[in-house]
């Protein structure tokens, strides 16, 4: 029998359905109701050949942290793209953009 693993997200909403609190659990990873301020989830729909997305952030997520979150997500996407496709040239192009993004957002020190 195949093993299964579950990742669970809990979103607490205010009266206007705006996220106030995000928590997630991944029992296999030893994570239980860990709090987060933002999340991005992309799912490939093979039948429709399109990406489905869930992007959530809490109303108290600071803008400077959102900029860091986006930058780190872009870097992670470039790394994942390289592992998934072995396309070195496009990976370098993506990383160049990540550096440009960091500079424009004044994230570099």
PDB file of N, CA and C in Angstrom:
ATOM      1  N   UNK A   1       0.839  -1.194   0.000  1.00  0.00           N
ATOM      2  CA  UNK A   1       0.000   0.000   0.000  1.00  0.00           C
ATOM      3  C   UNK A   1       0.879   1.252   0.000  1.00  0.00           C
ATOM      4  N   UNK A   2       0.496   2.215  -0.805  1.00  0.00           N
ATOM      5  CA  UNK A   2       1.246   3.466  -0.885  1.00  0.00           C
ATOM      6  C   UNK A   2       1.039   4.304   0.368  1.00  0.00           C
ATOM      7  N   UNK A   3       2.083   5.004   0.745  1.00  0.00           N
ATOM      8  CA  UNK A   3       2.015   5.913   1.891  1.00  0.00           C
ATOM      9  C   UNK A   3       1.405   7.232   1.435  1.00  0.00           C
ATOM     10  N   UNK A   4       0.646   7.851   2.291  1.00  0.00           N
ATOM     11  CA  UNK A   4       0.103   9.174   1.999  1.00  0.00           C
ATOM     12  C   UNK A   4       0.625  10.168   3.028  1.00  0.00           C
ATOM     13  N   UNK A   5       0.613  11.410   2.640  1.00  0.00           N
ATOM     14  CA  UNK A   5       1.047  12.488   3.515  1.00  0.00           C
ATOM     15  C   UNK A   5       0.059  13.635   3.357  1.00  0.00           C
ATOM     16  N   UNK A   6      -0.180  14.350   4.433  1.00  0.00           N
ATOM     17  CA  UNK A   6      -1.159  15.430   4.394  1.00  0.00           C
ATOM     18  C   UNK A   6      -0.538  16.733   4.875  1.00  0.00           C
ATOM     19  N   UNK A   7      -0.831  17.794   4.134  1.00  0.00           N
ATOM     20  CA  UNK A   7      -0.474  19.148   4.536  1.00  0.00           C
ATOM     21  C   UNK A   7      -1.797  19.893   4.686  1.00  0.00           C
ATOM     22  N   UNK A   8      -1.980  20.524   5.833  1.00  0.00           N
ATOM     23  CA  UNK A   8      -3.258  21.174   6.132  1.00  0.00           C
ATOM     24  C   UNK A   8      -3.047  22.667   6.375  1.00  0.00           C
ATOM     25  N   UNK A   9      -3.918  23.480   5.775  1.00  0.00           N
ATOM     26  CA  UNK A   9      -3.914  24.926   5.968  1.00  0.00           C
ATOM     27  C   UNK A   9      -5.221  25.328   6.642  1.00  0.00           C
ATOM     28  N   UNK A  10      -5.127  26.188   7.647  1.00  0.00           N
ATOM     29  CA  UNK A  10      -6.316  26.715   8.320  1.00  0.00           C
ATOM     30  C   UNK A  10      -6.284  28.234   8.179  1.00  0.00           C
ATOM     31  N   UNK A  11      -7.384  28.787   7.678  1.00  0.00           N
ATOM     32  CA  UNK A  11      -7.487  30.230   7.460  1.00  0.00           C
ATOM     33  C   UNK A  11      -8.608  30.769   8.343  1.00  0.00           C
ATOM     34  N   UNK A  12      -8.251  31.639   9.277  1.00  0.00           N
ATOM     35  CA  UNK A  12      -9.250  32.304  10.117  1.00  0.00           C
ATOM     36  C   UNK A  12      -9.563  33.655   9.490  1.00  0.00           C
ATOM     37  N   UNK A  13     -10.855  33.917   9.269  1.00  0.00           N
ATOM     38  CA  UNK A  13     -11.304  35.122   8.573  1.00  0.00           C
ATOM     39  C   UNK A  13     -12.004  36.089   9.519  1.00  0.00           C
ATOM     40  N   UNK A  14     -11.927  37.379   9.187  1.00  0.00           N
ATOM     41  CA  UNK A  14     -12.700  38.362   9.943  1.00  0.00           C
ATOM     42  C   UNK A  14     -14.114  38.420   9.362  1.00  0.00           C
ATOM     43  N   UNK A  15     -14.924  39.350   9.843  1.00  0.00           N
ATOM     44  CA  UNK A  15     -16.319  39.450   9.405  1.00  0.00           C
ATOM     45  C   UNK A  15     -16.444  39.797   7.925  1.00  0.00           C
ATOM     46  N   UNK A  16     -15.389  40.350   7.321  1.00  0.00           N
ATOM     47  CA  UNK A  16     -15.391  40.679   5.890  1.00  0.00           C
ATOM     48  C   UNK A  16     -14.695  39.617   5.044  1.00  0.00           C
ATOM     49  N   UNK A  17     -14.412  38.484   5.644  1.00  0.00           N
ATOM     50  CA  UNK A  17     -13.766  37.345   4.987  1.00  0.00           C
ATOM     51  C   UNK A  17     -12.326  37.652   4.573  1.00  0.00           C
ATOM     52  N   UNK A  18     -11.673  38.533   5.317  1.00  0.00           N
ATOM     53  CA  UNK A  18     -10.259  38.855   5.115  1.00  0.00           C
ATOM     54  C   UNK A  18      -9.453  37.994   6.090  1.00  0.00           C
ATOM     55  N   UNK A  19      -8.404  37.325   5.605  1.00  0.00           N
ATOM     56  CA  UNK A  19      -7.622  36.467   6.509  1.00  0.00           C
ATOM     57  C   UNK A  19      -7.016  37.246   7.683  1.00  0.00           C
ATOM     58  N   UNK A  20      -7.283  36.743   8.881  1.00  0.00           N
ATOM     59  CA  UNK A  20      -6.688  37.307  10.096  1.00  0.00           C
ATOM     60  C   UNK A  20      -5.542  36.442  10.594  1.00  0.00           C
ATOM     61  N   UNK A  21      -5.663  35.133  10.358  1.00  0.00           N
ATOM     62  CA  UNK A  21      -4.640  34.210  10.855  1.00  0.00           C
ATOM     63  C   UNK A  21      -4.538  33.027   9.897  1.00  0.00           C
ATOM     64  N   UNK A  22      -3.303  32.650   9.579  1.00  0.00           N
ATOM     65  CA  UNK A  22      -3.027  31.473   8.756  1.00  0.00           C
ATOM     66  C   UNK A  22      -2.187  30.513   9.588  1.00  0.00           C
ATOM     67  N   UNK A  23      -2.579  29.260   9.616  1.00  0.00           N
ATOM     68  CA  UNK A  23      -1.751  28.238  10.254  1.00  0.00           C
ATOM     69  C   UNK A  23      -1.661  27.048   9.317  1.00  0.00           C
ATOM     70  N   UNK A  24      -0.588  26.279   9.488  1.00  0.00           N
ATOM     71  CA  UNK A  24      -0.422  25.090   8.660  1.00  0.00           C
ATOM     72  C   UNK A  24       0.187  23.973   9.478  1.00  0.00           C
ATOM     73  N   UNK A  25      -0.106  22.752   9.047  1.00  0.00           N
ATOM     74  CA  UNK A  25       0.406  21.557   9.711  1.00  0.00           C
ATOM     75  C   UNK A  25       0.872  20.566   8.658  1.00  0.00           C
ATOM     76  N   UNK A  26       1.956  19.881   8.972  1.00  0.00           N
ATOM     77  CA  UNK A  26       2.484  18.802   8.131  1.00  0.00           C
ATOM     78  C   UNK A  26       3.079  17.777   9.087  1.00  0.00           C
ATOM     79  N   UNK A  27       2.285  16.802   9.449  1.00  0.00           N
ATOM     80  CA  UNK A  27       2.683  15.837  10.470  1.00  0.00           C
ATOM     81  C   UNK A  27       4.002  15.151  10.127  1.00  0.00           C
ATOM     82  N   UNK A  28       4.187  14.781   8.866  1.00  0.00           N
ATOM     83  CA  UNK A  28       5.432  14.109   8.461  1.00  0.00           C
ATOM     84  C   UNK A  28       6.653  15.001   8.653  1.00  0.00           C
ATOM     85  N   UNK A  29       6.457  16.310   8.594  1.00  0.00           N
ATOM     86  CA  UNK A  29       7.562  17.251   8.757  1.00  0.00           C
ATOM     87  C   UNK A  29       7.688  17.791  10.168  1.00  0.00           C
ATOM     88  N   UNK A  30       6.855  17.302  11.069  1.00  0.00           N
ATOM     89  CA  UNK A  30       6.913  17.757  12.454  1.00  0.00           C
ATOM     90  C   UNK A  30       6.359  19.156  12.661  1.00  0.00           C
ATOM     91  N   UNK A  31       5.483  19.600  11.769  1.00  0.00           N
ATOM     92  CA  UNK A  31       4.893  20.936  11.873  1.00  0.00           C
ATOM     93  C   UNK A  31       3.447  20.788  12.326  1.00  0.00           C
ATOM     94  N   UNK A  32       3.086  21.517  13.387  1.00  0.00           N
ATOM     95  CA  UNK A  32       1.723  21.435  13.900  1.00  0.00           C
ATOM     96  C   UNK A  32       1.197  22.831  14.202  1.00  0.00           C
ATOM     97  N   UNK A  33       0.236  23.265  13.401  1.00  0.00           N
ATOM     98  CA  UNK A  33      -0.398  24.575  13.567  1.00  0.00           C
ATOM     99  C   UNK A  33       0.616  25.711  13.684  1.00  0.00           C
ATOM    100  N   UNK A  34       1.572  25.703  12.772  1.00  0.00           N
ATOM    101  CA  UNK A  34       2.582  26.766  12.704  1.00  0.00           C
ATOM    102  C   UNK A  34       1.938  27.992  12.059  1.00  0.00           C
ATOM    103  N   UNK A  35       2.134  29.164  12.666  1.00  0.00           N
ATOM    104  CA  UNK A  35       1.527  30.378  12.141  1.00  0.00           C
ATOM    105  C   UNK A  35       2.346  30.937  10.981  1.00  0.00           C
ATOM    106  N   UNK A  36       1.636  31.505  10.010  1.00  0.00           N
ATOM    107  CA  UNK A  36       2.260  32.144   8.850  1.00  0.00           C
ATOM    108  C   UNK A  36       1.517  33.442   8.569  1.00  0.00           C
ATOM    109  N   UNK A  37       2.187  34.373   7.915  1.00  0.00           N
ATOM    110  CA  UNK A  37       1.559  35.641   7.540  1.00  0.00           C
ATOM    111  C   UNK A  37       1.107  35.647   6.082  1.00  0.00           C
ATOM    112  N   UNK A  38       1.682  34.742   5.268  1.00  0.00           N
ATOM    113  CA  UNK A  38       1.324  34.706   3.850  1.00  0.00           C
ATOM    114  C   UNK A  38       1.601  33.320   3.294  1.00  0.00           C
ATOM    115  N   UNK A  39       0.901  32.987   2.202  1.00  0.00           N
ATOM    116  CA  UNK A  39       1.140  31.725   1.505  1.00  0.00           C
ATOM    117  C   UNK A  39       0.753  31.873   0.044  1.00  0.00           C
ATOM    118  N   UNK A  40       1.460  31.128  -0.790  1.00  0.00           N
ATOM    119  CA  UNK A  40       1.131  31.031  -2.210  1.00  0.00           C
ATOM    120  C   UNK A  40       1.141  29.550  -2.554  1.00  0.00           C
ATOM    121  N   UNK A  41       0.064  29.085  -3.129  1.00  0.00           N
ATOM    122  CA  UNK A  41      -0.044  27.684  -3.506  1.00  0.00           C
ATOM    123  C   UNK A  41      -0.438  27.619  -4.976  1.00  0.00           C
ATOM    124  N   UNK A  42       0.343  26.902  -5.764  1.00  0.00           N
ATOM    125  CA  UNK A  42       0.049  26.718  -7.186  1.00  0.00           C
ATOM    126  C   UNK A  42      -0.183  25.237  -7.440  1.00  0.00           C
ATOM    127  N   UNK A  43      -1.236  24.940  -8.181  1.00  0.00           N
ATOM    128  CA  UNK A  43      -1.584  23.555  -8.502  1.00  0.00           C
ATOM    129  C   UNK A  43      -1.783  23.459 -10.011  1.00  0.00           C
ATOM    130  N   UNK A  44      -1.138  22.476 -10.629  1.00  0.00           N
ATOM    131  CA  UNK A  44      -1.265  22.285 -12.070  1.00  0.00           C
ATOM    132  C   UNK A  44      -2.479  21.418 -12.364  1.00  0.00           C
ATOM    133  N   UNK A  45      -3.418  21.956 -13.136  1.00  0.00           N
ATOM    134  CA  UNK A  45      -4.580  21.209 -13.598  1.00  0.00           C
ATOM    135  C   UNK A  45      -4.212  20.627 -14.959  1.00  0.00           C
ATOM    136  N   UNK A  46      -3.862  19.349 -14.979  1.00  0.00           N
ATOM    137  CA  UNK A  46      -3.389  18.711 -16.210  1.00  0.00           C
ATOM    138  C   UNK A  46      -4.479  18.635 -17.271  1.00  0.00           C
ATOM    139  N   UNK A  47      -5.729  18.511 -16.863  1.00  0.00           N
ATOM    140  CA  UNK A  47      -6.816  18.437 -17.842  1.00  0.00           C
ATOM    141  C   UNK A  47      -7.028  19.773 -18.544  1.00  0.00           C
ATOM    142  N   UNK A  48      -7.047  20.846 -17.787  1.00  0.00           N
ATOM    143  CA  UNK A  48      -7.267  22.175 -18.364  1.00  0.00           C
ATOM    144  C   UNK A  48      -5.968  22.812 -18.853  1.00  0.00           C
ATOM    145  N   UNK A  49      -4.822  22.201 -18.509  1.00  0.00           N
ATOM    146  CA  UNK A  49      -3.503  22.741 -18.870  1.00  0.00           C
ATOM    147  C   UNK A  49      -3.345  24.178 -18.368  1.00  0.00           C
ATOM    148  N   UNK A  50      -3.686  24.372 -17.085  1.00  0.00           N
ATOM    149  CA  UNK A  50      -3.550  25.694 -16.487  1.00  0.00           C
ATOM    150  C   UNK A  50      -3.228  25.577 -15.004  1.00  0.00           C
ATOM    151  N   UNK A  51      -2.680  26.655 -14.478  1.00  0.00           N
ATOM    152  CA  UNK A  51      -2.303  26.713 -13.075  1.00  0.00           C
ATOM    153  C   UNK A  51      -3.433  27.309 -12.257  1.00  0.00           C
ATOM    154  N   UNK A  52      -3.777  26.620 -11.185  1.00  0.00           N
ATOM    155  CA  UNK A  52      -4.752  27.124 -10.223  1.00  0.00           C
ATOM    156  C   UNK A  52      -3.964  27.681  -9.047  1.00  0.00           C
ATOM    157  N   UNK A  53      -4.422  28.780  -8.478  1.00  0.00           N
ATOM    158  CA  UNK A  53      -3.633  29.443  -7.438  1.00  0.00           C
ATOM    159  C   UNK A  53      -4.485  29.818  -6.242  1.00  0.00           C
ATOM    160  N   UNK A  54      -3.845  29.760  -5.091  1.00  0.00           N
ATOM    161  CA  UNK A  54      -4.404  30.310  -3.861  1.00  0.00           C
ATOM    162  C   UNK A  54      -3.316  31.193  -3.269  1.00  0.00           C
ATOM    163  N   UNK A  55      -3.558  32.482  -3.218  1.00  0.00           N
ATOM    164  CA  UNK A  55      -2.629  33.446  -2.630  1.00  0.00           C
ATOM    165  C   UNK A  55      -3.346  34.119  -1.468  1.00  0.00           C
ATOM    166  N   UNK A  56      -2.816  33.955  -0.274  1.00  0.00           N
ATOM    167  CA  UNK A  56      -3.429  34.533   0.917  1.00  0.00           C
ATOM    168  C   UNK A  56      -2.377  35.213   1.769  1.00  0.00           C
ATOM    169  N   UNK A  57      -2.766  36.305   2.402  1.00  0.00           N
ATOM    170  CA  UNK A  57      -1.906  36.945   3.395  1.00  0.00           C
ATOM    171  C   UNK A  57      -2.806  37.597   4.428  1.00  0.00           C
ATOM    172  N   UNK A  58      -2.301  37.682   5.634  1.00  0.00           N
ATOM    173  CA  UNK A  58      -3.082  38.279   6.710  1.00  0.00           C
ATOM    174  C   UNK A  58      -3.061  39.794   6.587  1.00  0.00           C
ATOM    175  N   UNK A  59      -4.076  40.414   7.162  1.00  0.00           N
ATOM    176  CA  UNK A  59      -4.172  41.868   7.043  1.00  0.00           C
ATOM    177  C   UNK A  59      -3.082  42.596   7.808  1.00  0.00           C
ATOM    178  N   UNK A  60      -2.368  41.884   8.692  1.00  0.00           N
ATOM    179  CA  UNK A  60      -1.270  42.530   9.416  1.00  0.00           C
ATOM    180  C   UNK A  60       0.105  42.168   8.850  1.00  0.00           C
ATOM    181  N   UNK A  61       0.123  41.609   7.637  1.00  0.00           N
ATOM    182  CA  UNK A  61       1.399  41.305   6.979  1.00  0.00           C
ATOM    183  C   UNK A  61       2.055  42.619   6.571  1.00  0.00           C
ATOM    184  N   UNK A  62       3.236  42.938   7.115  1.00  0.00           N
ATOM    185  CA  UNK A  62       3.909  44.192   6.758  1.00  0.00           C
ATOM    186  C   UNK A  62       4.368  44.193   5.295  1.00  0.00           C
ATOM    187  N   UNK A  63       4.288  45.349   4.661  1.00  0.00           N
ATOM    188  CA  UNK A  63       4.662  45.478   3.250  1.00  0.00           C
ATOM    189  C   UNK A  63       6.123  45.100   3.036  1.00  0.00           C
ATOM    190  N   UNK A  64       7.021  45.496   3.932  1.00  0.00           N
ATOM    191  CA  UNK A  64       8.431  45.155   3.743  1.00  0.00           C
ATOM    192  C   UNK A  64       8.644  43.642   3.798  1.00  0.00           C
ATOM    193  N   UNK A  65       7.889  42.946   4.646  1.00  0.00           N
ATOM    194  CA  UNK A  65       7.986  41.486   4.687  1.00  0.00           C
ATOM    195  C   UNK A  65       7.364  40.857   3.444  1.00  0.00           C
ATOM    196  N   UNK A  66       6.308  41.483   2.897  1.00  0.00           N
ATOM    197  CA  UNK A  66       5.693  40.974   1.664  1.00  0.00           C
ATOM    198  C   UNK A  66       6.688  41.061   0.514  1.00  0.00           C
ATOM    199  N   UNK A  67       7.468  42.135   0.465  1.00  0.00           N
ATOM    200  CA  UNK A  67       8.490  42.270  -0.575  1.00  0.00           C
ATOM    201  C   UNK A  67       9.539  41.166  -0.440  1.00  0.00           C
ATOM    202  N   UNK A  68       9.965  40.896   0.782  1.00  0.00           N
ATOM    203  CA  UNK A  68      10.923  39.804   1.018  1.00  0.00           C
ATOM    204  C   UNK A  68      10.317  38.463   0.635  1.00  0.00           C
ATOM    205  N   UNK A  69       9.056  38.251   1.004  1.00  0.00           N
ATOM    206  CA  UNK A  69       8.347  37.010   0.692  1.00  0.00           C
ATOM    207  C   UNK A  69       8.308  36.778  -0.818  1.00  0.00           C
ATOM    208  N   UNK A  70       7.962  37.823  -1.567  1.00  0.00           N
ATOM    209  CA  UNK A  70       7.929  37.698  -3.025  1.00  0.00           C
ATOM    210  C   UNK A  70       9.315  37.394  -3.576  1.00  0.00           C
ATOM    211  N   UNK A  71      10.324  38.107  -3.099  1.00  0.00           N
ATOM    212  CA  UNK A  71      11.677  37.872  -3.594  1.00  0.00           C
ATOM    213  C   UNK A  71      12.113  36.435  -3.322  1.00  0.00           C
ATOM    214  N   UNK A  72      11.937  35.974  -2.105  1.00  0.00           N
ATOM    215  CA  UNK A  72      12.352  34.616  -1.761  1.00  0.00           C
ATOM    216  C   UNK A  72      11.554  33.573  -2.540  1.00  0.00           C
ATOM    217  N   UNK A  73      10.280  33.876  -2.821  1.00  0.00           N
ATOM    218  CA  UNK A  73       9.463  32.965  -3.625  1.00  0.00           C
ATOM    219  C   UNK A  73       9.977  32.903  -5.058  1.00  0.00           C
ATOM    220  N   UNK A  74      10.342  34.050  -5.618  1.00  0.00           N
ATOM    221  CA  UNK A  74      10.898  34.073  -6.977  1.00  0.00           C
ATOM    222  C   UNK A  74      12.206  33.284  -7.055  1.00  0.00           C
ATOM    223  N   UNK A  75      13.079  33.450  -6.062  1.00  0.00           N
ATOM    224  CA  UNK A  75      14.342  32.696  -6.025  1.00  0.00           C
ATOM    225  C   UNK A  75      14.052  31.200  -5.933  1.00  0.00           C
ATOM    226  N   UNK A  76      13.111  30.828  -5.083  1.00  0.00           N
ATOM    227  CA  UNK A  76      12.755  29.412  -4.938  1.00  0.00           C
ATOM    228  C   UNK A  76      12.177  28.855  -6.237  1.00  0.00           C
ATOM    229  N   UNK A  77      11.386  29.658  -6.941  1.00  0.00           N
ATOM    230  CA  UNK A  77      10.834  29.215  -8.223  1.00  0.00           C
ATOM    231  C   UNK A  77      11.945  28.974  -9.237  1.00  0.00           C
ATOM    232  N   UNK A  78      12.950  29.834  -9.261  1.00  0.00           N
ATOM    233  CA  UNK A  78      14.084  29.640 -10.172  1.00  0.00           C
ATOM    234  C   UNK A  78      14.813  28.338  -9.838  1.00  0.00           C
ATOM    235  N   UNK A  79      15.028  28.085  -8.552  1.00  0.00           N
ATOM    236  CA  UNK A  79      15.693  26.842  -8.134  1.00  0.00           C
ATOM    237  C   UNK A  79      14.870  25.615  -8.513  1.00  0.00           C
ATOM    238  N   UNK A  80      13.570  25.690  -8.285  1.00  0.00           N
ATOM    239  CA  UNK A  80      12.686  24.571  -8.624  1.00  0.00           C
ATOM    240  C   UNK A  80      12.643  24.359 -10.129  1.00  0.00           C
ATOM    241  N   UNK A  81      12.605  25.450 -10.891  1.00  0.00           N
ATOM    242  CA  UNK A  81      12.607  25.363 -12.351  1.00  0.00           C
ATOM    243  C   UNK A  81      13.852  24.618 -12.833  1.00  0.00           C
ATOM    244  N   UNK A  82      14.998  24.939 -12.243  1.00  0.00           N
ATOM    245  CA  UNK A  82      16.247  24.273 -12.628  1.00  0.00           C
ATOM    246  C   UNK A  82      16.182  22.774 -12.330  1.00  0.00           C
ATOM    247  N   UNK A  83      15.708  22.420 -11.131  1.00  0.00           N
ATOM    248  CA  UNK A  83      15.613  20.996 -10.768  1.00  0.00           C
ATOM    249  C   UNK A  83      14.622  20.249 -11.661  1.00  0.00           C
ATOM    250  N   UNK A  84      13.541  20.937 -12.043  1.00  0.00           N
ATOM    251  CA  UNK A  84      12.487  20.288 -12.818  1.00  0.00           C
ATOM    252  C   UNK A  84      12.809  20.175 -14.298  1.00  0.00           C
ATOM    253  N   UNK A  85      13.607  21.122 -14.834  1.00  0.00           N
ATOM    254  CA  UNK A  85      13.826  21.162 -16.282  1.00  0.00           C
ATOM    255  C   UNK A  85      15.279  21.014 -16.712  1.00  0.00           C
ATOM    256  N   UNK A  86      16.207  21.239 -15.785  1.00  0.00           N
ATOM    257  CA  UNK A  86      17.645  21.248 -16.091  1.00  0.00           C
ATOM    258  C   UNK A  86      18.004  22.321 -17.126  1.00  0.00           C
ATOM    259  N   UNK A  87      17.164  23.334 -17.259  1.00  0.00           N
ATOM    260  CA  UNK A  87      17.397  24.422 -18.211  1.00  0.00           C
ATOM    261  C   UNK A  87      18.245  25.503 -17.537  1.00  0.00           C
ATOM    262  N   UNK A  88      19.558  25.388 -17.695  1.00  0.00           N
ATOM    263  CA  UNK A  88      20.501  26.300 -17.039  1.00  0.00           C
ATOM    264  C   UNK A  88      20.349  27.738 -17.533  1.00  0.00           C
ATOM    265  N   UNK A  89      20.177  27.898 -18.846  1.00  0.00           N
ATOM    266  CA  UNK A  89      20.120  29.241 -19.425  1.00  0.00           C
ATOM    267  C   UNK A  89      18.925  30.031 -18.884  1.00  0.00           C
ATOM    268  N   UNK A  90      17.755  29.424 -18.895  1.00  0.00           N
ATOM    269  CA  UNK A  90      16.575  30.133 -18.395  1.00  0.00           C
ATOM    270  C   UNK A  90      16.653  30.327 -16.885  1.00  0.00           C
ATOM    271  N   UNK A  91      17.248  29.382 -16.179  1.00  0.00           N
ATOM    272  CA  UNK A  91      17.426  29.541 -14.733  1.00  0.00           C
ATOM    273  C   UNK A  91      18.269  30.769 -14.441  1.00  0.00           C
ATOM    274  N   UNK A  92      19.342  30.958 -15.180  1.00  0.00           N
ATOM    275  CA  UNK A  92      20.186  32.141 -14.983  1.00  0.00           C
ATOM    276  C   UNK A  92      19.424  33.424 -15.297  1.00  0.00           C
ATOM    277  N   UNK A  93      18.579  33.389 -16.331  1.00  0.00           N
ATOM    278  CA  UNK A  93      17.751  34.548 -16.663  1.00  0.00           C
ATOM    279  C   UNK A  93      16.793  34.858 -15.516  1.00  0.00           C
ATOM    280  N   UNK A  94      16.199  33.821 -14.957  1.00  0.00           N
ATOM    281  CA  UNK A  94      15.284  34.011 -13.828  1.00  0.00           C
ATOM    282  C   UNK A  94      16.028  34.576 -12.613  1.00  0.00           C
ATOM    283  N   UNK A  95      17.222  34.069 -12.360  1.00  0.00           N
ATOM    284  CA  UNK A  95      18.007  34.562 -11.226  1.00  0.00           C
ATOM    285  C   UNK A  95      18.443  36.010 -11.440  1.00  0.00           C
ATOM    286  N   UNK A  96      18.732  36.369 -12.693  1.00  0.00           N
ATOM    287  CA  UNK A  96      19.043  37.769 -13.005  1.00  0.00           C
ATOM    288  C   UNK A  96      17.854  38.662 -12.645  1.00  0.00           C
ATOM    289  N   UNK A  97      16.652  38.195 -13.002  1.00  0.00           N
ATOM    290  CA  UNK A  97      15.466  38.975 -12.654  1.00  0.00           C
ATOM    291  C   UNK A  97      15.299  39.074 -11.136  1.00  0.00           C
ATOM    292  N   UNK A  98      15.578  37.990 -10.425  1.00  0.00           N
ATOM    293  CA  UNK A  98      15.482  38.010  -8.959  1.00  0.00           C
ATOM    294  C   UNK A  98      16.415  39.063  -8.373  1.00  0.00           C
ATOM    295  N   UNK A  99      17.608  39.159  -8.920  1.00  0.00           N
ATOM    296  CA  UNK A  99      18.559  40.169  -8.459  1.00  0.00           C
ATOM    297  C   UNK A  99      18.039  41.578  -8.766  1.00  0.00           C
ATOM    298  N   UNK A 100      17.514  41.755  -9.966  1.00  0.00           N
ATOM    299  CA  UNK A 100      16.926  43.040 -10.366  1.00  0.00           C
ATOM    300  C   UNK A 100      15.773  43.414  -9.431  1.00  0.00           C
ATOM    301  N   UNK A 101      14.911  42.453  -9.153  1.00  0.00           N
ATOM    302  CA  UNK A 101      13.776  42.664  -8.251  1.00  0.00           C
ATOM    303  C   UNK A 101      14.263  43.103  -6.874  1.00  0.00           C
ATOM    304  N   UNK A 102      15.271  42.403  -6.355  1.00  0.00           N
ATOM    305  CA  UNK A 102      15.820  42.730  -5.032  1.00  0.00           C
ATOM    306  C   UNK A 102      16.374  44.149  -5.004  1.00  0.00           C
ATOM    307  N   UNK A 103      17.063  44.533  -6.069  1.00  0.00           N
ATOM    308  CA  UNK A 103      17.611  45.893  -6.139  1.00  0.00           C
ATOM    309  C   UNK A 103      16.502  46.937  -6.179  1.00  0.00           C
ATOM    310  N   UNK A 104      15.494  46.718  -7.015  1.00  0.00           N
ATOM    311  CA  UNK A 104      14.395  47.676  -7.150  1.00  0.00           C
ATOM    312  C   UNK A 104      13.570  47.779  -5.872  1.00  0.00           C
ATOM    313  N   UNK A 105      13.452  46.688  -5.143  1.00  0.00           N
ATOM    314  CA  UNK A 105      12.706  46.684  -3.882  1.00  0.00           C
ATOM    315  C   UNK A 105      13.582  47.080  -2.698  1.00  0.00           C
ATOM    316  N   UNK A 106      14.843  47.388  -3.009  1.00  0.00           N
ATOM    317  CA  UNK A 106      15.831  47.778  -1.993  1.00  0.00           C
ATOM    318  C   UNK A 106      15.980  46.705  -0.910  1.00  0.00           C
ATOM    319  N   UNK A 107      16.083  45.459  -1.368  1.00  0.00           N
ATOM    320  CA  UNK A 107      16.252  44.329  -0.458  1.00  0.00           C
ATOM    321  C   UNK A 107      17.709  43.930  -0.299  1.00  0.00           C
ATOM    322  N   UNK A 108      18.566  44.424  -1.189  1.00  0.00           N
ATOM    323  CA  UNK A 108      19.989  44.087  -1.104  1.00  0.00           C
ATOM    324  C   UNK A 108      20.675  45.013  -0.120  1.00  0.00           C
ATOM    325  N   UNK A 109      21.685  44.459   0.525  1.00  0.00           N
ATOM    326  CA  UNK A 109      22.402  45.245   1.540  1.00  0.00           C
ATOM    327  C   UNK A 109      23.767  45.626   1.047  1.00  0.00           C
TER     328      UNK A 109
END
